[in-house]
Amino acid sequence: MQTLRNKKGFICDMDGVIYHGNRLLPGVREFVDWLQREKKDFLFLTNNSGKTQRELQAKLSRMGLDIDEKHFYTSALATAQFIATQMPGARAFVIGEPGLLNALYEQGITFDDVSPDYVIVGESSSYTYDNICRAVRCVQKGARLIGTNSDLTGPTEQGIVPACRALVAPIELATGKEAYYIGKPNPLMMRTGINLLGGHSQDTVIIGDRMDTDIVAGIECGLDTVLVLSGVTDRSMIDHFPYRPRLVLQGVGDIPDAAEEGIVHLESAVG
């Protein structure tokens, strides 16, 4: 592994890495300052489909971080791009928030809860039994089932909450159909992230708090990986997986020091 200082591109998760809900995590401001000072290419790549790029920019702005919209890419955008490529002008029944709805609309996808080509599920604060029933009926009639990401849970200020895969599960169980998940660790989203950075996998590192999405996505795409313990994963959980992150740090605030110290091995970071 190159040292972090020598890496050109940084792909960074958001929930559990940059913030919990509306609370900025310790060290994030210093991490972003370091990225900008060192002129690193960086992208916030989030599985959460709820917010648009502009909303994410505004959220970080309220937390005191000035970051351009171009530095954000979401599973909603990846899902919309996938659907538009697979079936231009498709019809979809959608359970999700404005970030997903706007992304689909921008790609020319129309909304239809009677005879859609797809049922698309993302994070939703208005998830209801009626929505589940309508989704089940659509899938039973032949609609393809898509999940924006495969996260079962996500971190908030109040603790762990159900995420996209937990919302898709009742539809899968009721129909016997498995959803296709677009977000990390799907290489579709990862390759887009690398392309947006304009770099190559060997020059890029991914930083995340989830072994089952961020870290495995990085490994499978040839990126070096940094697991931070500020989200849903603690040290004891690492050994539950057959793969390992390259570095384990308490949070992104440790990255500038790790870069300066030239840490390159997992053992250097895990005490």
Protein backbone atom coordinates (compact mmCIF):
# COMPACT_ATOMS: atom_id res chain seq x y z
CA MET A 1 0.00 0.00 0.00
CA GLN A 2 1.16 3.51 -0.76
CA THR A 3 1.09 5.75 2.26
CA LEU A 4 -2.06 7.82 2.61
CA ARG A 5 -0.07 10.92 1.73
CA ASN A 6 0.73 9.44 -1.69
CA LYS A 7 -2.84 8.51 -2.51
CA LYS A 8 -4.41 10.83 -5.08
CA GLY A 9 -8.09 10.00 -4.61
CA PHE A 10 -10.23 9.55 -1.51
CA ILE A 11 -13.71 8.01 -1.59
CA CYS A 12 -15.44 8.60 1.71
CA ASP A 13 -18.70 7.32 3.15
CA MET A 14 -20.87 9.82 5.04
CA ASP A 15 -23.25 8.26 7.61
CA GLY A 16 -21.15 7.14 10.56
CA VAL A 17 -18.00 8.59 9.02
CA ILE A 18 -18.70 12.30 8.56
CA TYR A 19 -21.77 12.66 10.75
CA HIS A 20 -24.40 10.96 12.85
CA GLY A 21 -27.71 12.52 11.88
CA ASN A 22 -27.14 16.26 12.22
CA ARG A 23 -24.03 15.97 14.39
CA LEU A 24 -20.62 16.38 12.78
CA LEU A 25 -18.21 13.77 14.06
CA PRO A 26 -14.93 14.70 15.78
CA GLY A 27 -12.01 15.37 13.47
CA VAL A 28 -14.05 15.76 10.29
CA ARG A 29 -13.24 19.44 9.88
CA GLU A 30 -9.52 18.70 10.18
CA PHE A 31 -9.82 15.82 7.70
CA VAL A 32 -11.56 18.00 5.09
CA ASP A 33 -9.02 20.78 5.64
CA TRP A 34 -6.26 18.23 5.03
CA LEU A 35 -7.88 16.97 1.80
CA GLN A 36 -8.17 20.51 0.49
CA ARG A 37 -4.73 21.61 1.66
CA GLU A 38 -3.06 18.57 0.10
CA LYS A 39 -5.10 19.07 -3.10
CA LYS A 40 -6.52 15.55 -2.97
CA ASP A 41 -9.33 14.48 -5.26
CA PHE A 42 -12.20 13.41 -3.03
CA LEU A 43 -15.75 12.17 -3.31
CA PHE A 44 -18.37 11.57 -0.65
CA LEU A 45 -20.00 8.35 -1.82
CA THR A 46 -23.06 7.49 0.24
CA ASN A 47 -25.43 4.55 0.13
CA ASN A 48 -28.13 6.72 1.64
CA SER A 49 -30.55 7.65 -1.14
CA GLY A 50 -32.63 10.16 0.79
CA LYS A 51 -30.94 13.46 -0.06
CA THR A 52 -29.95 15.21 -3.27
CA GLN A 53 -26.42 16.45 -3.87
CA ARG A 54 -27.58 19.98 -3.11
CA GLU A 55 -29.20 18.87 0.14
CA LEU A 56 -26.02 17.09 1.20
CA GLN A 57 -24.01 20.19 0.38
CA ALA A 58 -26.42 22.32 2.41
CA LYS A 59 -26.31 19.88 5.33
CA LEU A 60 -22.53 20.06 5.55
CA SER A 61 -22.66 23.82 5.07
CA ARG A 62 -24.85 24.08 8.17
CA MET A 63 -22.17 22.11 9.99
CA GLY A 64 -19.54 24.61 8.87
CA LEU A 65 -18.05 22.73 5.91
CA ASP A 66 -17.90 24.41 2.49
CA ILE A 67 -17.88 21.63 -0.11
CA ASP A 68 -19.00 21.86 -3.74
CA GLU A 69 -21.89 19.71 -5.03
CA LYS A 70 -19.55 17.89 -7.40
CA HIS A 71 -18.00 16.09 -4.43
CA PHE A 72 -21.17 14.08 -3.66
CA TYR A 73 -22.50 10.92 -5.27
CA THR A 74 -25.39 8.86 -3.89
CA SER A 75 -26.98 5.47 -4.41
CA ALA A 76 -30.04 7.36 -5.69
CA LEU A 77 -28.01 8.78 -8.59
CA ALA A 78 -26.46 5.37 -9.26
CA THR A 79 -29.89 3.71 -9.23
CA ALA A 80 -31.38 6.27 -11.61
CA GLN A 81 -28.45 5.88 -13.99
CA PHE A 82 -28.77 2.10 -13.90
CA ILE A 83 -32.52 2.14 -14.66
CA ALA A 84 -32.12 4.69 -17.46
CA THR A 85 -29.41 2.54 -19.04
CA GLN A 86 -31.38 -0.68 -18.70
CA MET A 87 -34.74 0.67 -19.85
CA PRO A 88 -34.93 4.28 -21.05
CA GLY A 89 -38.30 5.82 -20.21
CA ALA A 90 -39.11 3.12 -17.67
CA ARG A 91 -42.05 3.34 -15.27
CA ALA A 92 -41.46 2.78 -11.57
CA PHE A 93 -43.30 2.50 -8.29
CA VAL A 94 -40.98 4.18 -5.80
CA ILE A 95 -40.72 4.05 -2.03
CA GLY A 96 -38.20 6.70 -1.07
CA GLU A 97 -37.26 10.25 -0.24
CA PRO A 98 -36.75 13.33 -2.47
CA GLY A 99 -33.15 12.41 -3.28
CA LEU A 100 -34.30 9.23 -5.00
CA LEU A 101 -37.41 10.71 -6.59
CA ASN A 102 -35.48 13.65 -8.05
CA ALA A 103 -32.70 11.43 -9.40
CA LEU A 104 -35.20 9.17 -11.17
CA TYR A 105 -37.16 12.12 -12.56
CA GLU A 106 -33.99 13.69 -13.96
CA GLN A 107 -33.29 10.44 -15.84
CA GLY A 108 -36.73 10.46 -17.47
CA ILE A 109 -38.27 7.73 -15.33
CA THR A 110 -42.01 8.13 -14.76
CA PHE A 111 -43.88 7.15 -11.62
CA ASP A 112 -46.55 4.46 -11.86
CA ASP A 113 -48.06 2.42 -9.02
CA VAL A 114 -50.38 0.36 -11.24
CA SER A 115 -48.26 -1.31 -13.92
CA PRO A 116 -44.62 -0.31 -13.39
CA ASP A 117 -41.54 -1.88 -14.91
CA TYR A 118 -39.69 -1.54 -11.61
CA VAL A 119 -40.35 -1.32 -7.90
CA ILE A 120 -37.56 0.80 -6.43
CA VAL A 121 -37.01 1.05 -2.68
CA GLY A 122 -34.72 3.43 -0.82
CA GLU A 123 -34.60 4.90 2.66
CA SER A 124 -38.01 6.29 3.59
CA SER A 125 -39.52 8.01 6.60
CA SER A 126 -43.01 7.38 5.19
CA TYR A 127 -42.71 3.61 4.81
CA THR A 128 -46.16 2.09 5.37
CA TYR A 129 -47.97 -1.23 5.22
CA ASP A 130 -49.96 0.11 2.27
CA ASN A 131 -46.72 0.82 0.38
CA ILE A 132 -45.51 -2.71 1.08
CA CYS A 133 -48.76 -4.18 -0.24
CA ARG A 134 -48.65 -2.08 -3.40
CA ALA A 135 -45.02 -3.02 -3.98
CA VAL A 136 -45.82 -6.70 -3.52
CA ARG A 137 -48.68 -6.54 -6.02
CA CYS A 138 -46.47 -4.81 -8.59
CA VAL A 139 -43.68 -7.37 -8.21
CA GLN A 140 -46.18 -10.22 -8.45
CA LYS A 141 -47.35 -8.73 -11.75
CA GLY A 142 -43.81 -8.74 -13.11
CA ALA A 143 -42.10 -5.56 -11.93
CA ARG A 144 -38.38 -5.92 -11.21
CA LEU A 145 -37.42 -5.25 -7.60
CA ILE A 146 -34.55 -2.80 -7.02
CA GLY A 147 -33.01 -1.64 -3.74
CA THR A 148 -30.88 1.49 -3.76
CA ASN A 149 -28.46 -0.17 -1.34
CA SER A 150 -28.01 -3.27 0.78
CA ASP A 151 -27.47 -1.60 4.18
CA LEU A 152 -29.59 -3.28 6.85
CA THR A 153 -29.05 -0.54 9.41
CA GLY A 154 -27.64 2.95 9.68
CA PRO A 155 -26.29 5.14 12.50
CA THR A 156 -28.17 8.20 13.77
CA GLU A 157 -27.91 10.52 16.75
CA GLN A 158 -30.52 8.33 18.48
CA GLY A 159 -28.77 5.05 17.66
CA ILE A 160 -29.04 2.37 14.99
CA VAL A 161 -32.12 2.46 12.71
CA PRO A 162 -33.38 0.20 9.89
CA ALA A 163 -31.96 1.05 6.47
CA CYS A 164 -32.83 0.13 2.90
CA ARG A 165 -32.38 -3.63 2.95
CA ALA A 166 -34.55 -3.93 6.05
CA LEU A 167 -37.31 -2.09 4.16
CA VAL A 168 -36.94 -4.28 1.09
CA ALA A 169 -36.98 -7.54 3.07
CA PRO A 170 -40.79 -7.80 3.57
CA ILE A 171 -41.31 -7.39 -0.18
CA GLU A 172 -38.72 -10.08 -0.93
CA LEU A 173 -40.26 -12.45 1.60
CA ALA A 174 -43.82 -11.89 0.40
CA THR A 175 -43.01 -12.32 -3.29
CA GLY A 176 -40.14 -14.81 -3.21
CA LYS A 177 -38.19 -12.41 -5.45
CA GLU A 178 -34.73 -11.15 -4.57
CA ALA A 179 -33.98 -7.48 -5.09
CA TYR A 180 -31.01 -6.22 -7.07
CA TYR A 181 -29.07 -3.73 -4.95
CA ILE A 182 -27.28 -0.85 -6.67
CA GLY A 183 -25.20 0.85 -3.96
CA LYS A 184 -21.97 -0.28 -2.34
CA PRO A 185 -20.60 -2.92 -2.58
CA ASN A 186 -21.97 -3.17 -6.13
CA PRO A 187 -19.07 -2.39 -8.52
CA LEU A 188 -21.48 -0.28 -10.60
CA MET A 189 -21.39 2.45 -7.99
CA MET A 190 -17.73 2.02 -7.15
CA ARG A 191 -16.55 2.29 -10.75
CA THR A 192 -18.61 5.43 -11.20
CA GLY A 193 -16.99 6.91 -8.10
CA ILE A 194 -13.49 6.19 -9.38
CA ASN A 195 -14.40 7.64 -12.79
CA LEU A 196 -15.78 10.80 -11.19
CA LEU A 197 -12.46 11.25 -9.41
CA GLY A 198 -10.68 10.80 -12.72
CA GLY A 199 -8.24 8.39 -11.15
CA HIS A 200 -7.27 4.74 -10.98
CA SER A 201 -7.98 2.14 -8.34
CA GLN A 202 -4.35 1.81 -7.28
CA ASP A 203 -4.21 5.54 -6.51
CA THR A 204 -7.47 5.59 -4.55
CA VAL A 205 -8.51 4.72 -1.01
CA ILE A 206 -12.01 4.17 0.35
CA ILE A 207 -12.91 5.19 3.89
CA GLY A 208 -15.99 3.76 5.55
CA ASP A 209 -17.54 2.38 8.72
CA ARG A 210 -19.03 -0.83 7.31
CA MET A 211 -17.17 -4.05 6.64
CA ASP A 212 -20.00 -5.47 4.51
CA THR A 213 -20.28 -2.52 2.11
CA ASP A 214 -17.43 0.00 2.22
CA ILE A 215 -14.54 -2.33 2.94
CA VAL A 216 -15.56 -5.27 0.76
CA ALA A 217 -16.39 -2.82 -2.06
CA GLY A 218 -12.91 -1.38 -1.88
CA ILE A 219 -11.25 -4.79 -1.79
CA GLU A 220 -13.24 -6.09 -4.76
CA CYS A 221 -12.44 -2.97 -6.81
CA GLY A 222 -8.73 -2.97 -5.99
CA LEU A 223 -8.78 0.06 -3.69
CA ASP A 224 -6.93 0.32 -0.41
CA THR A 225 -9.32 0.43 2.52
CA VAL A 226 -9.63 2.36 5.77
CA LEU A 227 -12.20 1.27 8.34
CA VAL A 228 -13.22 3.90 10.88
CA LEU A 229 -14.83 2.91 14.16
CA SER A 230 -17.06 5.98 14.38
CA GLY A 231 -20.12 4.26 12.88
CA VAL A 232 -21.69 0.80 13.07
CA THR A 233 -18.53 -1.33 13.40
CA ASP A 234 -16.39 -1.92 16.47
CA ARG A 235 -13.07 -3.77 16.70
CA SER A 236 -14.65 -7.04 17.85
CA MET A 237 -16.71 -7.27 14.66
CA ILE A 238 -13.74 -7.23 12.28
CA ASP A 239 -12.88 -10.88 12.90
CA HIS A 240 -16.40 -11.93 11.87
CA PHE A 241 -15.44 -11.32 8.23
CA PRO A 242 -13.06 -13.33 6.03
CA TYR A 243 -11.39 -10.16 4.74
CA ARG A 244 -9.57 -7.33 6.47
CA PRO A 245 -9.30 -3.57 5.99
CA ARG A 246 -5.83 -2.20 5.31
CA LEU A 247 -6.10 0.33 8.14
CA VAL A 248 -8.38 0.67 11.15
CA LEU A 249 -8.70 4.12 12.72
CA GLN A 250 -10.98 5.64 15.32
CA GLY A 251 -12.26 8.25 12.86
CA VAL A 252 -11.35 10.32 9.83
CA GLY A 253 -9.69 12.85 12.12
CA ASP A 254 -6.85 10.34 12.49
CA ILE A 255 -6.13 10.28 8.75
CA PRO A 256 -3.94 13.43 8.53
CA ASP A 257 -1.66 12.09 11.29
CA ALA A 258 -1.61 8.61 9.74
CA ALA A 259 -0.61 10.19 6.43
CA GLU A 260 2.17 12.21 8.05
CA GLU A 261 3.46 9.15 9.90
CA GLY A 262 3.47 7.07 6.73
CA ILE A 263 1.34 4.26 8.19
CA VAL A 264 0.96 1.52 5.59
CA HIS A 265 0.10 -1.65 7.50
CA LEU A 266 -3.01 -2.80 9.30
CA GLU A 267 -0.98 -3.67 12.39
CA SER A 268 0.17 -0.07 12.64
CA ALA A 269 -3.36 1.12 13.28
CA VAL A 270 -5.00 -1.66 15.27
CA GLY A 271 -3.93 -1.76 18.86
